[in-house]
Amino acid sequence: RAKLTPKDAPAENGNQLEIDFEVKSDGKIIDGGVSRNHPI
């Protein structure tokens, strides 16, 4: 129920981010290694 406010500045600890990521091992994407708009 937190209040989220867009921030036009570099990310720092405590901020909520939405990220796209791909994670590879030996050139192959790992299980669960792709996500879009992943909140953290």
Full PDB file with SEQRES, HELIX, SHEET, SSBOND, CRYST1, ORIGX, SCALE, CONECT and MASTER records, all heavy atoms in Angstrom:
SEQRES   1 A   40  ARG ALA LYS LEU THR PRO LYS ASP ALA PRO ALA GLU ASN          
SEQRES   2 A   40  GLY ASN GLN LEU GLU ILE ASP PHE GLU VAL LYS SER ASP          
SEQRES   3 A   40  GLY LYS ILE ILE ASP GLY GLY VAL SER ARG ASN HIS PRO          
SEQRES   4 A   40  ILE                                                          
SHEET    1 AA1 2 GLU A  18  SER A  25  0                                        
SHEET    2 AA1 2 LYS A  28  PRO A  39 -1                                        
CRYST1    1.000    1.000    1.000  90.00  90.00  90.00 P 1           1          
ORIGX1      1.000000  0.000000  0.000000        0.00000                         
ORIGX2      0.000000  1.000000  0.000000        0.00000                         
ORIGX3      0.000000  0.000000  1.000000        0.00000                         
SCALE1      1.000000  0.000000  0.000000        0.00000                         
SCALE2      0.000000  1.000000  0.000000        0.00000                         
SCALE3      0.000000  0.000000  1.000000        0.00000                         
ATOM      1  N   ARG A   1       0.827  -1.209   0.000  1.00  0.00           N  
ATOM      2  CA  ARG A   1       0.000   0.000   0.000  1.00  0.00           C  
ATOM      3  C   ARG A   1       0.865   1.265   0.000  1.00  0.00           C  
ATOM      4  O   ARG A   1       0.410   2.342   0.391  1.00  0.00           O  
ATOM      5  CB  ARG A   1      -0.930  -0.001   1.217  1.00  0.00           C  
ATOM      6  CG  ARG A   1      -1.860  -1.215   1.207  1.00  0.00           C  
ATOM      7  CD  ARG A   1      -3.006  -1.054   2.147  1.00  0.00           C  
ATOM      8  NE  ARG A   1      -3.990  -2.111   1.938  1.00  0.00           N  
ATOM      9  CZ  ARG A   1      -5.288  -1.970   2.099  1.00  0.00           C  
ATOM     10  NH1 ARG A   1      -5.788  -0.799   2.447  1.00  0.00           N  
ATOM     11  NH2 ARG A   1      -6.113  -2.975   1.909  1.00  0.00           N  
ATOM     12  N   ALA A   2       2.097   1.095  -0.403  1.00  0.00           N  
ATOM     13  CA  ALA A   2       3.031   2.219  -0.406  1.00  0.00           C  
ATOM     14  C   ALA A   2       2.672   3.234  -1.498  1.00  0.00           C  
ATOM     15  O   ALA A   2       2.078   2.895  -2.522  1.00  0.00           O  
ATOM     16  CB  ALA A   2       4.451   1.713  -0.618  1.00  0.00           C  
ATOM     17  N   LYS A   3       3.049   4.476  -1.264  1.00  0.00           N  
ATOM     18  CA  LYS A   3       2.892   5.529  -2.271  1.00  0.00           C  
ATOM     19  C   LYS A   3       4.144   5.540  -3.139  1.00  0.00           C  
ATOM     20  O   LYS A   3       5.262   5.699  -2.645  1.00  0.00           O  
ATOM     21  CB  LYS A   3       2.708   6.893  -1.596  1.00  0.00           C  
ATOM     22  CG  LYS A   3       2.537   8.039  -2.580  1.00  0.00           C  
ATOM     23  CD  LYS A   3       2.396   9.378  -1.854  1.00  0.00           C  
ATOM     24  CE  LYS A   3       2.269  10.533  -2.845  1.00  0.00           C  
ATOM     25  NZ  LYS A   3       2.184  11.845  -2.158  1.00  0.00           N  
ATOM     26  N   LEU A   4       3.970   5.338  -4.451  1.00  0.00           N  
ATOM     27  CA  LEU A   4       5.083   5.294  -5.398  1.00  0.00           C  
ATOM     28  C   LEU A   4       5.092   6.573  -6.222  1.00  0.00           C  
ATOM     29  O   LEU A   4       4.070   6.957  -6.800  1.00  0.00           O  
ATOM     30  CB  LEU A   4       4.959   4.076  -6.319  1.00  0.00           C  
ATOM     31  CG  LEU A   4       4.893   2.710  -5.626  1.00  0.00           C  
ATOM     32  CD1 LEU A   4       4.683   1.603  -6.659  1.00  0.00           C  
ATOM     33  CD2 LEU A   4       6.162   2.441  -4.826  1.00  0.00           C  
ATOM     34  N   THR A   5       6.241   7.209  -6.272  1.00  0.00           N  
ATOM     35  CA  THR A   5       6.363   8.477  -7.006  1.00  0.00           C  
ATOM     36  C   THR A   5       7.486   8.363  -8.031  1.00  0.00           C  
ATOM     37  O   THR A   5       8.622   8.027  -7.668  1.00  0.00           O  
ATOM     38  CB  THR A   5       6.692   9.635  -6.038  1.00  0.00           C  
ATOM     39  OG1 THR A   5       5.716   9.675  -4.999  1.00  0.00           O  
ATOM     40  CG2 THR A   5       6.708  10.962  -6.783  1.00  0.00           C  
ATOM     41  N   PRO A   6       7.176   8.605  -9.330  1.00  0.00           N  
ATOM     42  CA  PRO A   6       8.237   8.536 -10.358  1.00  0.00           C  
ATOM     43  C   PRO A   6       9.408   9.438  -9.996  1.00  0.00           C  
ATOM     44  O   PRO A   6       9.231  10.558  -9.502  1.00  0.00           O  
ATOM     45  CB  PRO A   6       7.525   9.010 -11.623  1.00  0.00           C  
ATOM     46  CG  PRO A   6       6.074   8.689 -11.384  1.00  0.00           C  
ATOM     47  CD  PRO A   6       5.862   8.905  -9.908  1.00  0.00           C  
ATOM     48  N   LYS A   7      10.604   8.949 -10.280  1.00  0.00           N  
ATOM     49  CA  LYS A   7      11.818   9.663  -9.890  1.00  0.00           C  
ATOM     50  C   LYS A   7      12.690   9.877 -11.121  1.00  0.00           C  
ATOM     51  O   LYS A   7      13.080   8.916 -11.791  1.00  0.00           O  
ATOM     52  CB  LYS A   7      12.559   8.837  -8.831  1.00  0.00           C  
ATOM     53  CG  LYS A   7      13.901   9.399  -8.404  1.00  0.00           C  
ATOM     54  CD  LYS A   7      14.551   8.455  -7.388  1.00  0.00           C  
ATOM     55  CE  LYS A   7      15.934   8.928  -7.004  1.00  0.00           C  
ATOM     56  NZ  LYS A   7      16.591   8.024  -6.030  1.00  0.00           N  
ATOM     57  N   ASP A   8      12.999  11.133 -11.417  1.00  0.00           N  
ATOM     58  CA  ASP A   8      13.844  11.461 -12.569  1.00  0.00           C  
ATOM     59  C   ASP A   8      15.279  11.664 -12.089  1.00  0.00           C  
ATOM     60  O   ASP A   8      15.858  12.754 -12.215  1.00  0.00           O  
ATOM     61  CB  ASP A   8      13.323  12.719 -13.269  1.00  0.00           C  
ATOM     62  CG  ASP A   8      14.042  12.965 -14.594  1.00  0.00           C  
ATOM     63  OD1 ASP A   8      14.665  12.013 -15.101  1.00  0.00           O  
ATOM     64  OD2 ASP A   8      13.993  14.106 -15.087  1.00  0.00           O  
ATOM     65  N   ALA A   9      15.824  10.592 -11.513  1.00  0.00           N  
ATOM     66  CA  ALA A   9      17.185  10.650 -10.968  1.00  0.00           C  
ATOM     67  C   ALA A   9      17.694   9.219 -10.865  1.00  0.00           C  
ATOM     68  O   ALA A   9      16.915   8.262 -10.928  1.00  0.00           O  
ATOM     69  CB  ALA A   9      17.183  11.327  -9.597  1.00  0.00           C  
ATOM     70  N   PRO A  10      19.015   9.032 -10.706  1.00  0.00           N  
ATOM     71  CA  PRO A  10      19.567   7.671 -10.626  1.00  0.00           C  
ATOM     72  C   PRO A  10      18.974   6.870  -9.471  1.00  0.00           C  
ATOM     73  O   PRO A  10      18.617   7.416  -8.421  1.00  0.00           O  
ATOM     74  CB  PRO A  10      21.066   7.915 -10.417  1.00  0.00           C  
ATOM     75  CG  PRO A  10      21.312   9.259 -11.025  1.00  0.00           C  
ATOM     76  CD  PRO A  10      20.082  10.047 -10.721  1.00  0.00           C  
ATOM     77  N   ALA A  11      18.876   5.549  -9.688  1.00  0.00           N  
ATOM     78  CA  ALA A  11      18.297   4.646  -8.690  1.00  0.00           C  
ATOM     79  C   ALA A  11      19.216   4.503  -7.486  1.00  0.00           C  
ATOM     80  O   ALA A  11      20.443   4.499  -7.618  1.00  0.00           O  
ATOM     81  CB  ALA A  11      18.045   3.278  -9.318  1.00  0.00           C  
ATOM     82  N   GLU A  12      18.590   4.380  -6.317  1.00  0.00           N  
ATOM     83  CA  GLU A  12      19.339   4.126  -5.086  1.00  0.00           C  
ATOM     84  C   GLU A  12      18.556   3.121  -4.238  1.00  0.00           C  
ATOM     85  O   GLU A  12      17.369   2.867  -4.487  1.00  0.00           O  
ATOM     86  CB  GLU A  12      19.580   5.420  -4.316  1.00  0.00           C  
ATOM     87  CG  GLU A  12      18.311   6.182  -3.969  1.00  0.00           C  
ATOM     88  CD  GLU A  12      18.614   7.553  -3.382  1.00  0.00           C  
ATOM     89  OE1 GLU A  12      19.765   7.811  -3.020  1.00  0.00           O  
ATOM     90  OE2 GLU A  12      17.664   8.361  -3.278  1.00  0.00           O  
ATOM     91  N   ASN A  13      19.252   2.561  -3.251  1.00  0.00           N  
ATOM     92  CA  ASN A  13      18.603   1.567  -2.393  1.00  0.00           C  
ATOM     93  C   ASN A  13      17.324   2.120  -1.785  1.00  0.00           C  
ATOM     94  O   ASN A  13      17.277   3.263  -1.337  1.00  0.00           O  
ATOM     95  CB  ASN A  13      19.555   1.112  -1.289  1.00  0.00           C  
ATOM     96  CG  ASN A  13      20.610   0.157  -1.812  1.00  0.00           C  
ATOM     97  OD1 ASN A  13      20.418  -0.505  -2.829  1.00  0.00           O  
ATOM     98  ND2 ASN A  13      21.726   0.073  -1.122  1.00  0.00           N  
ATOM     99  N   GLY A  14      16.274   1.277  -1.793  1.00  0.00           N  
ATOM    100  CA  GLY A  14      14.966   1.690  -1.286  1.00  0.00           C  
ATOM    101  C   GLY A  14      14.011   2.087  -2.386  1.00  0.00           C  
ATOM    102  O   GLY A  14      12.792   2.125  -2.170  1.00  0.00           O  
ATOM    103  N   ASN A  15      14.524   2.396  -3.592  1.00  0.00           N  
ATOM    104  CA  ASN A  15      13.660   2.723  -4.726  1.00  0.00           C  
ATOM    105  C   ASN A  15      13.026   1.460  -5.301  1.00  0.00           C  
ATOM    106  O   ASN A  15      13.592   0.368  -5.213  1.00  0.00           O  
ATOM    107  CB  ASN A  15      14.446   3.409  -5.841  1.00  0.00           C  
ATOM    108  CG  ASN A  15      14.921   4.800  -5.481  1.00  0.00           C  
ATOM    109  OD1 ASN A  15      15.813   5.339  -6.133  1.00  0.00           O  
ATOM    110  ND2 ASN A  15      14.359   5.411  -4.438  1.00  0.00           N  
ATOM    111  N   GLN A  16      11.823   1.643  -5.881  1.00  0.00           N  
ATOM    112  CA  GLN A  16      11.217   0.541  -6.628  1.00  0.00           C  
ATOM    113  C   GLN A  16      11.588   0.693  -8.100  1.00  0.00           C  
ATOM    114  O   GLN A  16      11.410   1.761  -8.687  1.00  0.00           O  
ATOM    115  CB  GLN A  16       9.699   0.517  -6.495  1.00  0.00           C  
ATOM    116  CG  GLN A  16       9.104  -0.770  -7.074  1.00  0.00           C  
ATOM    117  CD  GLN A  16       7.775  -0.580  -7.785  1.00  0.00           C  
ATOM    118  OE1 GLN A  16       7.652   0.260  -8.676  1.00  0.00           O  
ATOM    119  NE2 GLN A  16       6.790  -1.368  -7.408  1.00  0.00           N  
ATOM    120  N   LEU A  17      12.118  -0.390  -8.685  1.00  0.00           N  
ATOM    121  CA  LEU A  17      12.477  -0.388 -10.101  1.00  0.00           C  
ATOM    122  C   LEU A  17      11.618  -1.402 -10.847  1.00  0.00           C  
ATOM    123  O   LEU A  17      11.179  -2.399 -10.279  1.00  0.00           O  
ATOM    124  CB  LEU A  17      13.944  -0.775 -10.298  1.00  0.00           C  
ATOM    125  CG  LEU A  17      15.033  -0.072  -9.474  1.00  0.00           C  
ATOM    126  CD1 LEU A  17      16.402  -0.543  -9.937  1.00  0.00           C  
ATOM    127  CD2 LEU A  17      14.913   1.425  -9.590  1.00  0.00           C  
ATOM    128  N   GLU A  18      11.396  -1.123 -12.123  1.00  0.00           N  
ATOM    129  CA  GLU A  18      10.894  -2.144 -13.043  1.00  0.00           C  
ATOM    130  C   GLU A  18      11.974  -2.327 -14.089  1.00  0.00           C  
ATOM    131  O   GLU A  18      12.411  -1.349 -14.719  1.00  0.00           O  
ATOM    132  CB  GLU A  18       9.572  -1.719 -13.674  1.00  0.00           C  
ATOM    133  CG  GLU A  18       8.405  -1.766 -12.705  1.00  0.00           C  
ATOM    134  CD  GLU A  18       7.069  -1.526 -13.371  1.00  0.00           C  
ATOM    135  OE1 GLU A  18       7.034  -1.403 -14.615  1.00  0.00           O  
ATOM    136  OE2 GLU A  18       6.058  -1.465 -12.653  1.00  0.00           O  
ATOM    137  N   ILE A  19      12.430  -3.575 -14.251  1.00  0.00           N  
ATOM    138  CA  ILE A  19      13.550  -3.828 -15.157  1.00  0.00           C  
ATOM    139  C   ILE A  19      13.220  -4.960 -16.126  1.00  0.00           C  
ATOM    140  O   ILE A  19      12.435  -5.857 -15.817  1.00  0.00           O  
ATOM    141  CB  ILE A  19      14.834  -4.196 -14.371  1.00  0.00           C  
ATOM    142  CG1 ILE A  19      14.656  -5.510 -13.615  1.00  0.00           C  
ATOM    143  CG2 ILE A  19      15.223  -3.072 -13.418  1.00  0.00           C  
ATOM    144  CD1 ILE A  19      15.933  -6.044 -12.979  1.00  0.00           C  
ATOM    145  N   ASP A  20      13.820  -4.871 -17.312  1.00  0.00           N  
ATOM    146  CA  ASP A  20      13.882  -6.005 -18.234  1.00  0.00           C  
ATOM    147  C   ASP A  20      15.244  -6.647 -18.044  1.00  0.00           C  
ATOM    148  O   ASP A  20      16.250  -5.939 -17.893  1.00  0.00           O  
ATOM    149  CB  ASP A  20      13.765  -5.549 -19.694  1.00  0.00           C  
ATOM    150  CG  ASP A  20      12.411  -4.908 -19.995  1.00  0.00           C  
ATOM    151  OD1 ASP A  20      11.485  -5.073 -19.182  1.00  0.00           O  
ATOM    152  OD2 ASP A  20      12.305  -4.241 -21.045  1.00  0.00           O  
ATOM    153  N   PHE A  21      15.287  -7.978 -18.010  1.00  0.00           N  
ATOM    154  CA  PHE A  21      16.602  -8.608 -17.918  1.00  0.00           C  
ATOM    155  C   PHE A  21      16.661  -9.921 -18.685  1.00  0.00           C  
ATOM    156  O   PHE A  21      15.635 -10.572 -18.902  1.00  0.00           O  
ATOM    157  CB  PHE A  21      17.030  -8.829 -16.462  1.00  0.00           C  
ATOM    158  CG  PHE A  21      16.174  -9.788 -15.667  1.00  0.00           C  
ATOM    159  CD1 PHE A  21      16.267 -11.169 -15.842  1.00  0.00           C  
ATOM    160  CD2 PHE A  21      15.294  -9.317 -14.705  1.00  0.00           C  
ATOM    161  CE1 PHE A  21      15.497 -12.040 -15.095  1.00  0.00           C  
ATOM    162  CE2 PHE A  21      14.518 -10.190 -13.947  1.00  0.00           C  
ATOM    163  CZ  PHE A  21      14.621 -11.553 -14.147  1.00  0.00           C  
ATOM    164  N   GLU A  22      17.873 -10.255 -19.115  1.00  0.00           N  
ATOM    165  CA  GLU A  22      18.187 -11.567 -19.690  1.00  0.00           C  
ATOM    166  C   GLU A  22      19.447 -12.057 -19.010  1.00  0.00           C  
ATOM    167  O   GLU A  22      20.430 -11.314 -18.891  1.00  0.00           O  
ATOM    168  CB  GLU A  22      18.406 -11.480 -21.207  1.00  0.00           C  
ATOM    169  CG  GLU A  22      17.137 -11.304 -22.002  1.00  0.00           C  
ATOM    170  CD  GLU A  22      17.373 -11.459 -23.508  1.00  0.00           C  
ATOM    171  OE1 GLU A  22      18.548 -11.660 -23.906  1.00  0.00           O  
ATOM    172  OE2 GLU A  22      16.403 -11.387 -24.264  1.00  0.00           O  
ATOM    173  N   VAL A  23      19.424 -13.309 -18.565  1.00  0.00           N  
ATOM    174  CA  VAL A  23      20.562 -13.889 -17.862  1.00  0.00           C  
ATOM    175  C   VAL A  23      21.025 -15.131 -18.628  1.00  0.00           C  
ATOM    176  O   VAL A  23      20.228 -16.043 -18.872  1.00  0.00           O  
ATOM    177  CB  VAL A  23      20.195 -14.281 -16.414  1.00  0.00           C  
ATOM    178  CG1 VAL A  23      21.418 -14.815 -15.681  1.00  0.00           C  
ATOM    179  CG2 VAL A  23      19.604 -13.091 -15.669  1.00  0.00           C  
ATOM    180  N   LYS A  24      22.324 -15.137 -19.003  1.00  0.00           N  
ATOM    181  CA  LYS A  24      22.868 -16.247 -19.785  1.00  0.00           C  
ATOM    182  C   LYS A  24      24.030 -16.909 -19.046  1.00  0.00           C  
ATOM    183  O   LYS A  24      24.754 -16.271 -18.276  1.00  0.00           O  
ATOM    184  CB  LYS A  24      23.360 -15.760 -21.143  1.00  0.00           C  
ATOM    185  CG  LYS A  24      22.259 -15.242 -22.067  1.00  0.00           C  
ATOM    186  CD  LYS A  24      22.830 -14.818 -23.414  1.00  0.00           C  
ATOM    187  CE  LYS A  24      21.730 -14.326 -24.358  1.00  0.00           C  
ATOM    188  NZ  LYS A  24      22.277 -13.905 -25.666  1.00  0.00           N  
ATOM    189  N   SER A  25      24.179 -18.202 -19.302  1.00  0.00           N  
ATOM    190  CA  SER A  25      25.336 -18.964 -18.833  1.00  0.00           C  
ATOM    191  C   SER A  25      25.891 -19.714 -20.030  1.00  0.00           C  
ATOM    192  O   SER A  25      25.144 -20.443 -20.706  1.00  0.00           O  
ATOM    193  CB  SER A  25      24.927 -19.952 -17.734  1.00  0.00           C  
ATOM    194  OG  SER A  25      26.014 -20.759 -17.358  1.00  0.00           O  
ATOM    195  N   ASP A  26      27.168 -19.496 -20.322  1.00  0.00           N  
ATOM    196  CA  ASP A  26      27.793 -20.115 -21.507  1.00  0.00           C  
ATOM    197  C   ASP A  26      27.013 -19.812 -22.781  1.00  0.00           C  
ATOM    198  O   ASP A  26      26.836 -20.673 -23.648  1.00  0.00           O  
ATOM    199  CB  ASP A  26      27.919 -21.635 -21.325  1.00  0.00           C  
ATOM    200  CG  ASP A  26      28.858 -22.004 -20.180  1.00  0.00           C  
ATOM    201  OD1 ASP A  26      29.853 -21.283 -19.967  1.00  0.00           O  
ATOM    202  OD2 ASP A  26      28.587 -23.004 -19.488  1.00  0.00           O  
ATOM    203  N   GLY A  27      26.494 -18.582 -22.856  1.00  0.00           N  
ATOM    204  CA  GLY A  27      25.810 -18.141 -24.066  1.00  0.00           C  
ATOM    205  C   GLY A  27      24.357 -18.560 -24.175  1.00  0.00           C  
ATOM    206  O   GLY A  27      23.676 -18.179 -25.135  1.00  0.00           O  
ATOM    207  N   LYS A  28      23.836 -19.339 -23.201  1.00  0.00           N  
ATOM    208  CA  LYS A  28      22.452 -19.795 -23.252  1.00  0.00           C  
ATOM    209  C   LYS A  28      21.660 -19.197 -22.091  1.00  0.00           C  
ATOM    210  O   LYS A  28      22.162 -19.126 -20.968  1.00  0.00           O  
ATOM    211  CB  LYS A  28      22.379 -21.328 -23.183  1.00  0.00           C  
ATOM    212  CG  LYS A  28      22.987 -22.030 -24.392  1.00  0.00           C  
ATOM    213  CD  LYS A  28      22.833 -23.542 -24.268  1.00  0.00           C  
ATOM    214  CE  LYS A  28      23.412 -24.259 -25.483  1.00  0.00           C  
ATOM    215  NZ  LYS A  28      23.275 -25.736 -25.361  1.00  0.00           N  
ATOM    216  N   ILE A  29      20.435 -18.785 -22.395  1.00  0.00           N  
ATOM    217  CA  ILE A  29      19.581 -18.202 -21.353  1.00  0.00           C  
ATOM    218  C   ILE A  29      19.205 -19.283 -20.342  1.00  0.00           C  
ATOM    219  O   ILE A  29      18.787 -20.380 -20.710  1.00  0.00           O  
ATOM    220  CB  ILE A  29      18.324 -17.574 -21.970  1.00  0.00           C  
ATOM    221  CG1 ILE A  29      18.714 -16.381 -22.847  1.00  0.00           C  
ATOM    222  CG2 ILE A  29      17.364 -17.116 -20.877  1.00  0.00           C  
ATOM    223  CD1 ILE A  29      17.572 -15.735 -23.584  1.00  0.00           C  
ATOM    224  N   ILE A  30      19.362 -18.990 -19.055  1.00  0.00           N  
ATOM    225  CA  ILE A  30      19.068 -19.962 -18.012  1.00  0.00           C  
ATOM    226  C   ILE A  30      17.566 -20.051 -17.777  1.00  0.00           C  
ATOM    227  O   ILE A  30      16.799 -19.175 -18.202  1.00  0.00           O  
ATOM    228  CB  ILE A  30      19.778 -19.604 -16.689  1.00  0.00           C  
ATOM    229  CG1 ILE A  30      19.215 -18.278 -16.125  1.00  0.00           C  
ATOM    230  CG2 ILE A  30      21.287 -19.492 -16.883  1.00  0.00           C  
ATOM    231  CD1 ILE A  30      19.697 -17.957 -14.722  1.00  0.00           C  
ATOM    232  N   ASP A  31      17.122 -21.121 -17.110  1.00  0.00           N  
ATOM    233  CA  ASP A  31      15.711 -21.256 -16.751  1.00  0.00           C  
ATOM    234  C   ASP A  31      15.282 -20.064 -15.904  1.00  0.00           C  
ATOM    235  O   ASP A  31      15.921 -19.733 -14.908  1.00  0.00           O  
ATOM    236  CB  ASP A  31      15.488 -22.543 -15.943  1.00  0.00           C  
ATOM    237  CG  ASP A  31      15.492 -23.786 -16.822  1.00  0.00           C  
ATOM    238  OD1 ASP A  31      15.312 -23.633 -18.037  1.00  0.00           O  
ATOM    239  OD2 ASP A  31      15.680 -24.896 -16.285  1.00  0.00           O  
ATOM    240  N   GLY A  32      14.183 -19.407 -16.307  1.00  0.00           N  
ATOM    241  CA  GLY A  32      13.705 -18.241 -15.577  1.00  0.00           C  
ATOM    242  C   GLY A  32      14.565 -17.014 -15.772  1.00  0.00           C  
ATOM    243  O   GLY A  32      14.440 -16.042 -15.027  1.00  0.00           O  
ATOM    244  N   GLY A  33      15.428 -17.051 -16.790  1.00  0.00           N  
ATOM    245  CA  GLY A  33      16.392 -15.980 -16.989  1.00  0.00           C  
ATOM    246  C   GLY A  33      15.929 -14.839 -17.874  1.00  0.00           C  
ATOM    247  O   GLY A  33      16.746 -14.002 -18.276  1.00  0.00           O  
ATOM    248  N   VAL A  34      14.635 -14.795 -18.177  1.00  0.00           N  
ATOM    249  CA  VAL A  34      14.092 -13.704 -18.992  1.00  0.00           C  
ATOM    250  C   VAL A  34      12.878 -13.117 -18.286  1.00  0.00           C  
ATOM    251  O   VAL A  34      11.990 -13.853 -17.851  1.00  0.00           O  
ATOM    252  CB  VAL A  34      13.670 -14.200 -20.395  1.00  0.00           C  
ATOM    253  CG1 VAL A  34      13.062 -13.040 -21.191  1.00  0.00           C  
ATOM    254  CG2 VAL A  34      14.834 -14.795 -21.145  1.00  0.00           C  
ATOM    255  N   SER A  35      12.843 -11.799 -18.137  1.00  0.00           N  
ATOM    256  CA  SER A  35      11.667 -11.162 -17.550  1.00  0.00           C  
ATOM    257  C   SER A  35      11.539  -9.746 -18.083  1.00  0.00           C  
ATOM    258  O   SER A  35      12.537  -9.110 -18.420  1.00  0.00           O  
ATOM    259  CB  SER A  35      11.772 -11.140 -16.024  1.00  0.00           C  
ATOM    260  OG  SER A  35      10.567 -10.685 -15.448  1.00  0.00           O  
ATOM    261  N   ARG A  36      10.299  -9.289 -18.168  1.00  0.00           N  
ATOM    262  CA  ARG A  36      10.021  -7.929 -18.632  1.00  0.00           C  
ATOM    263  C   ARG A  36       9.247  -7.185 -17.540  1.00  0.00           C  
ATOM    264  O   ARG A  36       8.362  -7.751 -16.896  1.00  0.00           O  
ATOM    265  CB  ARG A  36       9.187  -7.971 -19.923  1.00  0.00           C  
ATOM    266  CG  ARG A  36       9.874  -8.704 -21.075  1.00  0.00           C  
ATOM    267  CD  ARG A  36      10.981  -7.873 -21.691  1.00  0.00           C  
ATOM    268  NE  ARG A  36      11.663  -8.596 -22.769  1.00  0.00           N  
ATOM    269  CZ  ARG A  36      12.828  -9.195 -22.653  1.00  0.00           C  
ATOM    270  NH1 ARG A  36      13.470  -9.189 -21.483  1.00  0.00           N  
ATOM    271  NH2 ARG A  36      13.393  -9.822 -23.672  1.00  0.00           N  
ATOM    272  N   ASN A  37       9.583  -5.909 -17.360  1.00  0.00           N  
ATOM    273  CA  ASN A  37       8.920  -5.072 -16.345  1.00  0.00           C  
ATOM    274  C   ASN A  37       8.898  -5.767 -14.976  1.00  0.00           C  
ATOM    275  O   ASN A  37       7.894  -5.761 -14.275  1.00  0.00           O  
ATOM    276  CB  ASN A  37       7.494  -4.711 -16.785  1.00  0.00           C  
ATOM    277  CG  ASN A  37       7.479  -3.885 -18.047  1.00  0.00           C  
ATOM    278  OD1 ASN A  37       7.158  -4.383 -19.124  1.00  0.00           O  
ATOM    279  ND2 ASN A  37       7.851  -2.621 -17.937  1.00  0.00           N  
ATOM    280  N   HIS A  38      10.042  -6.351 -14.638  1.00  0.00           N  
ATOM    281  CA  HIS A  38      10.157  -7.100 -13.378  1.00  0.00           C  
ATOM    282  C   HIS A  38      10.305  -6.110 -12.214  1.00  0.00           C  
ATOM    283  O   HIS A  38      11.260  -5.335 -12.167  1.00  0.00           O  
ATOM    284  CB  HIS A  38      11.374  -8.024 -13.442  1.00  0.00           C  
ATOM    285  CG  HIS A  38      11.444  -9.000 -12.318  1.00  0.00           C  
ATOM    286  ND1 HIS A  38      10.946 -10.272 -12.422  1.00  0.00           N  
ATOM    287  CD2 HIS A  38      11.938  -8.890 -11.056  1.00  0.00           C  
ATOM    288  CE1 HIS A  38      11.136 -10.906 -11.278  1.00  0.00           C  
ATOM    289  NE2 HIS A  38      11.732 -10.095 -10.436  1.00  0.00           N  
ATOM    290  N   PRO A  39       9.370  -6.134 -11.240  1.00  0.00           N  
ATOM    291  CA  PRO A  39       9.452  -5.157 -10.134  1.00  0.00           C  
ATOM    292  C   PRO A  39      10.371  -5.635  -9.016  1.00  0.00           C  
ATOM    293  O   PRO A  39      10.310  -6.797  -8.604  1.00  0.00           O  
ATOM    294  CB  PRO A  39       8.006  -5.074  -9.647  1.00  0.00           C  
ATOM    295  CG  PRO A  39       7.428  -6.426  -9.954  1.00  0.00           C  
ATOM    296  CD  PRO A  39       8.151  -6.939 -11.177  1.00  0.00           C  
ATOM    297  N   ILE A  40      11.209  -4.752  -8.517  1.00  0.00           N  
ATOM    298  CA  ILE A  40      12.040  -5.058  -7.359  1.00  0.00           C  
ATOM    299  C   ILE A  40      12.177  -3.805  -6.491  1.00  0.00           C  
ATOM    300  O   ILE A  40      12.020  -2.683  -6.981  1.00  0.00           O  
ATOM    301  CB  ILE A  40      13.463  -5.540  -7.744  1.00  0.00           C  
ATOM    302  CG1 ILE A  40      14.247  -4.414  -8.450  1.00  0.00           C  
ATOM    303  CG2 ILE A  40      13.426  -6.784  -8.580  1.00  0.00           C  
ATOM    304  CD1 ILE A  40      15.738  -4.690  -8.538  1.00  0.00           C  
TER     305      ILE A  40                                                      
MASTER        0    0    0    0    2    0    0    6  304    1    0    4          
END                                                                             
